[in-house]
Amino acid sequence: MKQRMLMAIGAGTAAGLLSVGAVQAQEEEVTITVVSWGGAYSESQRRAYLEPYEELNPHINFVTDDSSANGLAGLRAQSQANNVTWDLVDMLPANAQLACFEGLIMEIDHDEMLAPAPDGTPPTEDFVEGSLGPCFVPQIIYSTIVAYNTDMFPEDEQPGSIDDFFNTEDFPGDRAIQDRPRGNLEWALYADGVALEDIYDVLATEEGQDRAFDKLDEIKDNLVFWTEGAQGPQLLADQEVAFTTGYNGRIFNAAQVEGQPFDIIWDGQLVEFDGWVIPAGGDNTEEVLEFVRWATDTQRLADQAKYISYGPARESSAPLVGEHADLGIDMSPHMPTNPDNYFAPIVLDNDFWADYGDELRERYANWMLQ
């Protein structure tokens, strides 16, 4: 009997040790490197996703890296070096399409890996049509827009169209645009009279590309080029430029949070999705997949709209968009997809930029130096 009791106690102790070991292993800290764009956008992700998830999962520690502007190049370099250090990357659909084709990122079974809507609608039916990619999980709908400093123009002569952006006679002052062609070429053709629905057909031709660059030449002497998203609003605040192109969320943050005298020209807004990709060959794939499933559910995508004026990429999230968490203002009028703002959108054609992007980026880089 005594021997049996000792054996039972020993077995119980061993089981207890195994249980403690399992808990310790389960709670072993995991560091996940999240690559994004910085500024107000990364801050909205931190508050809506990263910090709440860390509170729910104390063993998870997020490290952020503002390198998304060079995300595709970074993934290529890490893959070639066989040293994948990024766990999750915020990427635009066109680059995600290329990265997926090159095998740099994981393929996603959306209905299997993502959460359904609260009413059971599968993700493939709940995410906004056209937003999902084979390796891409969208978070937001945003737009690249033209903004201006209202203090630099008379109250009764404020600009309001893309035509005004190209009109340096009636609306003098320098303009800041990105050092990449996307958006700038579309706006050039739109200002040159090309119908919205024909822009990409025209831009796919050599004549159309020449036409776009010729239109940009008209304001070349008034152009300042920005690289990072924070630079345009800063130039505008310092009145070094009268207009800047930029992301609508950054302009919202500068105007509503920082009190800058900025206004947005919604005419010709370049509408696009943005979202997550998961690098292939990462060390924390299982943990990243769990996070992405949680962070892209209906409530979480609506939560991001509390901090920045980007629309959630799920249909079921839209009714949950309410007031800004800090300002208490209704966020609906500041969304790119609000009907009052969505009157003349240019929906970015990712297939076009996947096909023509390399040659147009090279030509644009040479044009900037001329």
Protein backbone atom coordinates (compact mmCIF):
# COMPACT_ATOMS: atom_id res chain seq x y z
CA MET A 1 0.00 0.00 0.00
CA LYS A 2 2.79 2.42 0.99
CA GLN A 3 4.62 1.75 -2.24
CA ARG A 4 1.45 2.41 -4.24
CA MET A 5 0.90 5.71 -2.41
CA LEU A 6 4.47 6.80 -3.15
CA MET A 7 4.00 5.90 -6.78
CA ALA A 8 0.77 7.88 -6.90
CA ILE A 9 2.40 10.90 -5.24
CA GLY A 10 5.31 10.66 -7.67
CA ALA A 11 2.98 10.47 -10.63
CA GLY A 12 1.00 13.44 -9.33
CA THR A 13 4.16 15.49 -8.83
CA ALA A 14 5.36 14.67 -12.31
CA ALA A 15 1.99 15.65 -13.77
CA GLY A 16 2.12 18.91 -11.83
CA LEU A 17 5.58 19.67 -13.12
CA LEU A 18 4.47 18.90 -16.66
CA SER A 19 1.47 21.19 -16.19
CA VAL A 20 3.65 24.04 -14.89
CA GLY A 21 6.06 23.47 -17.75
CA ALA A 22 3.21 23.60 -20.26
CA VAL A 23 1.95 26.89 -18.82
CA GLN A 24 5.44 28.34 -18.86
CA ALA A 25 5.93 27.22 -22.45
CA GLN A 26 2.54 28.66 -23.39
CA GLU A 27 3.41 32.02 -21.83
CA GLU A 28 6.93 32.19 -23.20
CA GLU A 29 7.32 35.65 -24.68
CA VAL A 30 6.97 35.94 -28.44
CA THR A 31 8.21 39.07 -30.20
CA ILE A 32 6.38 39.93 -33.41
CA THR A 33 7.87 42.53 -35.73
CA VAL A 34 5.14 44.54 -37.46
CA VAL A 35 6.14 46.69 -40.42
CA SER A 36 3.92 49.66 -41.28
CA TRP A 37 3.95 53.25 -42.55
CA GLY A 38 4.50 55.31 -39.43
CA GLY A 39 2.75 58.51 -38.41
CA ALA A 40 -0.95 58.72 -37.63
CA TYR A 41 -1.64 55.45 -39.44
CA SER A 42 0.74 53.36 -37.34
CA GLU A 43 -0.58 55.11 -34.24
CA SER A 44 -4.11 54.06 -35.16
CA GLN A 45 -2.94 50.46 -35.54
CA ARG A 46 -1.14 50.59 -32.22
CA ARG A 47 -4.25 51.79 -30.39
CA ALA A 48 -6.81 49.68 -32.23
CA TYR A 49 -4.89 46.42 -32.58
CA LEU A 50 -1.46 46.08 -31.02
CA GLU A 51 -2.01 47.37 -27.49
CA PRO A 52 -5.38 45.63 -26.97
CA TYR A 53 -3.94 42.35 -28.23
CA GLU A 54 -0.94 42.61 -25.92
CA GLU A 55 -3.33 43.14 -23.00
CA LEU A 56 -5.24 40.00 -23.95
CA ASN A 57 -2.04 38.05 -24.63
CA PRO A 58 0.70 39.18 -22.20
CA HIS A 59 3.24 36.80 -23.75
CA ILE A 60 3.00 38.69 -27.08
CA ASN A 61 5.28 41.67 -27.59
CA PHE A 62 4.98 43.76 -30.74
CA VAL A 63 7.96 45.62 -32.18
CA THR A 64 7.15 48.14 -34.90
CA ASP A 65 9.19 49.13 -37.94
CA ASP A 66 8.15 52.02 -40.22
CA SER A 67 9.58 50.48 -43.40
CA SER A 68 6.47 49.75 -45.45
CA ALA A 69 7.46 52.30 -48.09
CA ASN A 70 10.25 49.85 -48.98
CA GLY A 71 8.38 46.72 -47.96
CA LEU A 72 8.71 44.80 -51.22
CA ALA A 73 12.44 45.45 -51.48
CA GLY A 74 12.88 44.45 -47.85
CA LEU A 75 11.03 41.17 -48.34
CA ARG A 76 13.09 40.38 -51.41
CA ALA A 77 16.35 41.07 -49.59
CA GLN A 78 15.38 38.98 -46.57
CA SER A 79 14.26 36.10 -48.75
CA GLN A 80 17.47 36.15 -50.78
CA ALA A 81 19.53 36.19 -47.58
CA ASN A 82 17.40 33.37 -46.14
CA ASN A 83 16.94 35.55 -43.07
CA VAL A 84 13.29 36.60 -42.67
CA THR A 85 13.12 39.00 -39.72
CA TRP A 86 9.73 40.61 -40.40
CA ASP A 87 6.61 38.81 -39.14
CA LEU A 88 3.80 40.96 -40.50
CA VAL A 89 3.90 43.70 -43.13
CA ASP A 90 1.38 46.38 -43.99
CA MET A 91 1.45 46.55 -47.79
CA LEU A 92 -0.40 48.00 -50.74
CA PRO A 93 -2.24 45.55 -53.01
CA ALA A 94 -0.04 46.05 -56.07
CA ASN A 95 3.14 45.21 -54.16
CA ALA A 96 1.34 42.39 -52.37
CA GLN A 97 0.42 40.98 -55.77
CA LEU A 98 4.07 40.98 -56.85
CA ALA A 99 5.28 39.58 -53.54
CA CYS A 100 2.69 36.81 -53.76
CA PHE A 101 3.73 35.92 -57.32
CA GLU A 102 7.37 35.78 -56.22
CA GLY A 103 6.56 33.50 -53.28
CA LEU A 104 7.71 36.05 -50.70
CA ILE A 105 4.47 35.97 -48.68
CA MET A 106 1.97 33.35 -47.56
CA GLU A 107 -1.16 32.48 -49.47
CA ILE A 108 -4.33 33.09 -47.45
CA ASP A 109 -7.45 30.93 -47.36
CA HIS A 110 -9.70 33.78 -46.28
CA ASP A 111 -12.75 31.80 -45.19
CA GLU A 112 -10.58 29.33 -43.30
CA MET A 113 -8.10 31.72 -41.68
CA LEU A 114 -10.20 34.83 -41.01
CA ALA A 115 -13.18 35.42 -38.72
CA PRO A 116 -16.71 35.48 -40.15
CA ALA A 117 -19.00 38.46 -39.62
CA PRO A 118 -21.10 38.44 -36.44
CA ASP A 119 -24.08 37.10 -38.39
CA GLY A 120 -22.01 34.27 -39.83
CA THR A 121 -21.33 35.82 -43.23
CA PRO A 122 -18.04 34.35 -44.48
CA PRO A 123 -15.11 36.73 -44.95
CA THR A 124 -15.13 36.37 -48.74
CA GLU A 125 -18.65 37.85 -48.75
CA ASP A 126 -18.11 40.40 -45.97
CA PHE A 127 -14.93 42.14 -47.11
CA VAL A 128 -15.52 44.88 -49.65
CA GLU A 129 -15.71 43.51 -53.17
CA GLY A 130 -12.34 43.44 -54.89
CA SER A 131 -10.33 44.02 -51.72
CA LEU A 132 -9.10 40.48 -51.02
CA GLY A 133 -5.99 39.12 -52.68
CA PRO A 134 -4.57 35.59 -52.72
CA CYS A 135 -1.93 36.64 -50.18
CA PHE A 136 -3.54 39.86 -48.94
CA VAL A 137 -5.91 40.69 -46.06
CA PRO A 138 -7.28 44.26 -46.30
CA GLN A 139 -7.76 46.50 -43.28
CA ILE A 140 -8.81 49.87 -44.61
CA ILE A 141 -10.07 51.85 -47.57
CA TYR A 142 -8.12 55.08 -47.85
CA SER A 143 -7.40 57.66 -50.45
CA THR A 144 -4.51 59.74 -51.63
CA ILE A 145 -5.78 63.26 -52.07
CA VAL A 146 -4.69 66.83 -52.72
CA ALA A 147 -4.82 69.13 -49.71
CA TYR A 148 -4.11 72.83 -49.37
CA ASN A 149 -3.39 75.42 -46.70
CA THR A 150 -6.51 77.58 -46.43
CA ASP A 151 -4.51 80.49 -45.00
CA MET A 152 -2.63 80.85 -48.28
CA PHE A 153 -5.69 81.76 -50.35
CA PRO A 154 -8.42 84.40 -49.97
CA GLU A 155 -11.57 83.13 -48.27
CA ASP A 156 -13.62 83.58 -51.42
CA GLU A 157 -11.01 82.00 -53.72
CA GLN A 158 -10.29 78.63 -52.17
CA PRO A 159 -9.29 75.83 -54.57
CA GLY A 160 -11.61 72.87 -54.99
CA SER A 161 -10.54 70.66 -57.89
CA ILE A 162 -7.62 68.84 -59.44
CA ASP A 163 -7.69 71.47 -62.18
CA ASP A 164 -6.92 74.08 -59.52
CA PHE A 165 -3.90 72.06 -58.40
CA PHE A 166 -2.46 72.40 -61.90
CA ASN A 167 -3.47 76.06 -62.20
CA THR A 168 -0.49 78.02 -60.85
CA GLU A 169 -1.74 81.31 -62.28
CA ASP A 170 -4.99 81.52 -60.30
CA PHE A 171 -3.66 79.48 -57.36
CA PRO A 172 0.01 80.38 -56.98
CA GLY A 173 2.51 78.62 -54.77
CA ASP A 174 4.58 75.46 -54.80
CA ARG A 175 3.08 71.99 -54.78
CA ALA A 176 4.46 68.93 -52.96
CA ILE A 177 4.01 65.56 -54.64
CA GLN A 178 5.39 62.12 -53.93
CA ASP A 179 8.62 61.01 -55.55
CA ARG A 180 6.77 58.10 -57.15
CA PRO A 181 4.47 58.14 -60.18
CA ARG A 182 1.37 56.45 -58.79
CA GLY A 183 -1.42 58.99 -58.43
CA ASN A 184 0.52 61.82 -60.02
CA LEU A 185 0.17 60.37 -63.52
CA GLU A 186 -3.53 59.66 -63.03
CA TRP A 187 -4.17 63.21 -61.81
CA ALA A 188 -2.19 64.66 -64.70
CA LEU A 189 -4.41 62.89 -67.22
CA TYR A 190 -7.57 63.80 -65.29
CA ALA A 191 -6.54 67.47 -65.28
CA ASP A 192 -5.78 67.18 -68.99
CA GLY A 193 -9.37 66.22 -69.72
CA VAL A 194 -9.31 62.41 -69.67
CA ALA A 195 -12.52 60.91 -68.28
CA LEU A 196 -12.16 59.06 -65.00
CA GLU A 197 -13.19 55.74 -66.50
CA ASP A 198 -10.63 56.07 -69.32
CA ILE A 199 -7.55 57.03 -67.33
CA TYR A 200 -5.90 53.62 -67.19
CA ASP A 201 -6.68 52.79 -70.80
CA VAL A 202 -4.96 56.02 -71.83
CA LEU A 203 -2.07 55.57 -69.40
CA ALA A 204 -1.39 52.11 -70.81
CA THR A 205 -0.35 53.68 -74.12
CA GLU A 206 2.92 55.41 -74.92
CA GLU A 207 1.00 58.47 -76.06
CA GLY A 208 -0.94 58.57 -72.82
CA GLN A 209 2.21 58.32 -70.74
CA ASP A 210 3.78 61.16 -72.73
CA ARG A 211 0.63 63.18 -72.21
CA ALA A 212 0.76 62.68 -68.43
CA PHE A 213 4.41 63.70 -68.18
CA ASP A 214 3.79 66.72 -70.42
CA LYS A 215 1.03 67.85 -68.06
CA LEU A 216 3.32 67.46 -65.05
CA ASP A 217 5.94 69.49 -66.92
CA GLU A 218 3.55 72.45 -66.80
CA ILE A 219 4.01 72.70 -63.02
CA LYS A 220 7.52 71.21 -62.79
CA ASP A 221 9.05 74.51 -61.65
CA ASN A 222 6.58 74.61 -58.75
CA LEU A 223 7.11 71.07 -57.52
CA VAL A 224 8.70 69.82 -54.31
CA PHE A 225 9.02 66.05 -53.93
CA TRP A 226 8.24 64.16 -50.74
CA THR A 227 9.24 60.61 -49.83
CA GLU A 228 7.72 59.92 -46.43
CA GLY A 229 4.05 60.55 -45.67
CA ALA A 230 4.81 63.05 -42.89
CA GLN A 231 6.76 65.40 -45.14
CA GLY A 232 3.87 66.78 -47.21
CA PRO A 233 1.77 67.95 -44.22
CA GLN A 234 4.86 69.49 -42.63
CA LEU A 235 5.69 71.43 -45.79
CA LEU A 236 2.09 72.59 -45.90
CA ALA A 237 2.08 73.64 -42.24
CA ASP A 238 5.30 75.61 -42.74
CA GLN A 239 3.76 77.25 -45.84
CA GLU A 240 6.70 76.09 -47.93
CA VAL A 241 4.05 74.78 -50.32
CA ALA A 242 0.44 75.81 -50.90
CA PHE A 243 -0.71 72.30 -51.88
CA THR A 244 0.45 68.81 -51.10
CA THR A 245 -0.63 65.38 -52.14
CA GLY A 246 -0.98 62.99 -49.23
CA TYR A 247 -2.96 60.34 -47.44
CA ASN A 248 -6.36 61.53 -46.28
CA GLY A 249 -5.75 60.14 -42.78
CA ARG A 250 -2.62 62.21 -42.28
CA ILE A 251 -4.37 65.35 -43.44
CA PHE A 252 -7.30 64.60 -41.14
CA ASN A 253 -4.90 64.17 -38.22
CA ALA A 254 -3.08 67.42 -39.00
CA ALA A 255 -6.31 69.40 -39.38
CA GLN A 256 -8.49 67.90 -36.67
CA VAL A 257 -5.95 66.83 -34.06
CA GLU A 258 -3.18 69.39 -34.57
CA GLY A 259 -5.43 72.27 -35.65
CA GLN A 260 -3.67 72.99 -38.93
CA PRO A 261 -5.59 75.14 -41.48
CA PHE A 262 -5.84 72.34 -44.04
CA ASP A 263 -8.67 71.34 -46.31
CA ILE A 264 -9.01 68.34 -48.62
CA ILE A 265 -9.85 68.38 -52.32
CA TRP A 266 -11.91 65.20 -52.72
CA ASP A 267 -12.16 65.65 -56.48
CA GLY A 268 -10.21 62.82 -58.12
CA GLN A 269 -9.32 61.12 -54.83
CA LEU A 270 -7.22 58.02 -55.55
CA VAL A 271 -9.00 55.24 -53.68
CA GLU A 272 -7.11 52.17 -52.54
CA PHE A 273 -7.11 49.32 -50.07
CA ASP A 274 -4.32 48.67 -47.61
CA GLY A 275 -3.71 45.60 -45.49
CA TRP A 276 -1.59 42.79 -44.10
CA VAL A 277 0.71 40.27 -45.70
CA ILE A 278 2.61 37.53 -43.86
CA PRO A 279 6.22 36.91 -44.96
CA ALA A 280 6.96 33.33 -45.95
CA GLY A 281 9.52 31.60 -43.78
CA GLY A 282 8.98 33.68 -40.64
CA ASP A 283 9.54 32.25 -37.17
CA ASN A 284 6.18 33.22 -35.65
CA THR A 285 3.68 32.29 -38.33
CA GLU A 286 1.21 30.57 -36.01
CA GLU A 287 1.08 33.51 -33.60
CA VAL A 288 0.80 35.98 -36.49
CA LEU A 289 -2.12 34.11 -38.01
CA GLU A 290 -3.94 34.18 -34.67
CA PHE A 291 -3.37 37.92 -34.43
CA VAL A 292 -4.51 38.62 -38.00
CA ARG A 293 -7.71 36.63 -37.47
CA TRP A 294 -8.49 38.73 -34.39
CA ALA A 295 -7.33 42.08 -35.79
CA THR A 296 -9.40 41.82 -38.97
CA ASP A 297 -12.70 40.83 -37.42
CA THR A 298 -15.71 43.13 -37.67
CA GLN A 299 -15.27 45.02 -34.41
CA ARG A 300 -11.52 45.52 -34.67
CA LEU A 301 -11.70 47.07 -38.15
CA ALA A 302 -14.40 49.43 -36.93
CA ASP A 303 -12.18 50.28 -33.95
CA GLN A 304 -9.41 51.64 -36.16
CA ALA A 305 -11.83 54.25 -37.50
CA LYS A 306 -11.93 55.75 -33.98
CA TYR A 307 -8.38 56.98 -34.51
CA ILE A 308 -8.04 57.78 -38.21
CA SER A 309 -10.32 58.66 -41.11
CA TYR A 310 -9.90 55.45 -43.09
CA GLY A 311 -12.92 53.29 -43.82
CA PRO A 312 -12.97 49.66 -42.61
CA ALA A 313 -12.63 47.03 -45.32
CA ARG A 314 -15.53 44.89 -44.06
CA GLU A 315 -19.16 45.64 -44.88
CA SER A 316 -20.22 44.56 -41.39
CA SER A 317 -17.85 47.09 -39.80
CA ALA A 318 -19.32 50.18 -41.44
CA PRO A 319 -22.38 50.51 -39.14
CA LEU A 320 -20.08 50.36 -36.11
CA VAL A 321 -18.06 53.44 -37.12
CA GLY A 322 -18.83 56.21 -34.66
CA GLU A 323 -16.99 59.05 -32.99
CA HIS A 324 -13.27 59.73 -32.81
CA ALA A 325 -11.93 58.30 -29.54
CA ASP A 326 -10.23 61.55 -28.48
CA LEU A 327 -12.01 64.32 -30.36
CA GLY A 328 -15.59 63.14 -30.00
CA ILE A 329 -16.42 64.13 -33.58
CA ASP A 330 -18.45 62.01 -35.96
CA MET A 331 -16.02 60.19 -38.23
CA SER A 332 -18.45 59.44 -41.06
CA PRO A 333 -18.05 62.82 -42.88
CA HIS A 334 -14.28 62.32 -42.93
CA MET A 335 -14.36 58.91 -44.59
CA PRO A 336 -13.27 58.71 -48.25
CA THR A 337 -16.32 56.61 -49.02
CA ASN A 338 -18.80 59.12 -47.61
CA PRO A 339 -21.16 59.99 -50.52
CA ASP A 340 -20.34 63.69 -50.20
CA ASN A 341 -16.66 62.87 -50.78
CA TYR A 342 -16.97 60.00 -53.23
CA PHE A 343 -18.30 61.98 -56.18
CA ALA A 344 -15.33 61.64 -58.55
CA PRO A 345 -13.01 58.88 -57.36
CA ILE A 346 -10.17 57.25 -59.24
CA VAL A 347 -10.08 53.64 -58.05
CA LEU A 348 -6.45 52.57 -58.19
CA ASP A 349 -5.90 49.82 -60.77
CA ASN A 350 -3.44 47.42 -59.13
CA ASP A 351 -3.21 45.23 -62.23
CA PHE A 352 -2.07 48.25 -64.20
CA TRP A 353 0.66 49.10 -61.69
CA ALA A 354 1.77 45.48 -61.48
CA ASP A 355 2.17 45.45 -65.28
CA TYR A 356 3.60 48.95 -65.88
CA GLY A 357 4.97 49.98 -62.50
CA ASP A 358 8.64 49.19 -62.99
CA GLU A 359 9.03 51.08 -66.26
CA LEU A 360 6.96 54.06 -65.09
CA ARG A 361 8.88 54.31 -61.80
CA GLU A 362 12.13 54.36 -63.77
CA ARG A 363 10.87 57.02 -66.16
CA TYR A 364 9.47 59.09 -63.28
CA ALA A 365 12.78 58.93 -61.38
CA ASN A 366 14.62 60.15 -64.48
CA TRP A 367 12.04 62.87 -65.03
CA MET A 368 12.50 64.23 -61.50
CA LEU A 369 16.22 64.65 -62.16
CA GLN A 370 15.77 66.51 -65.46
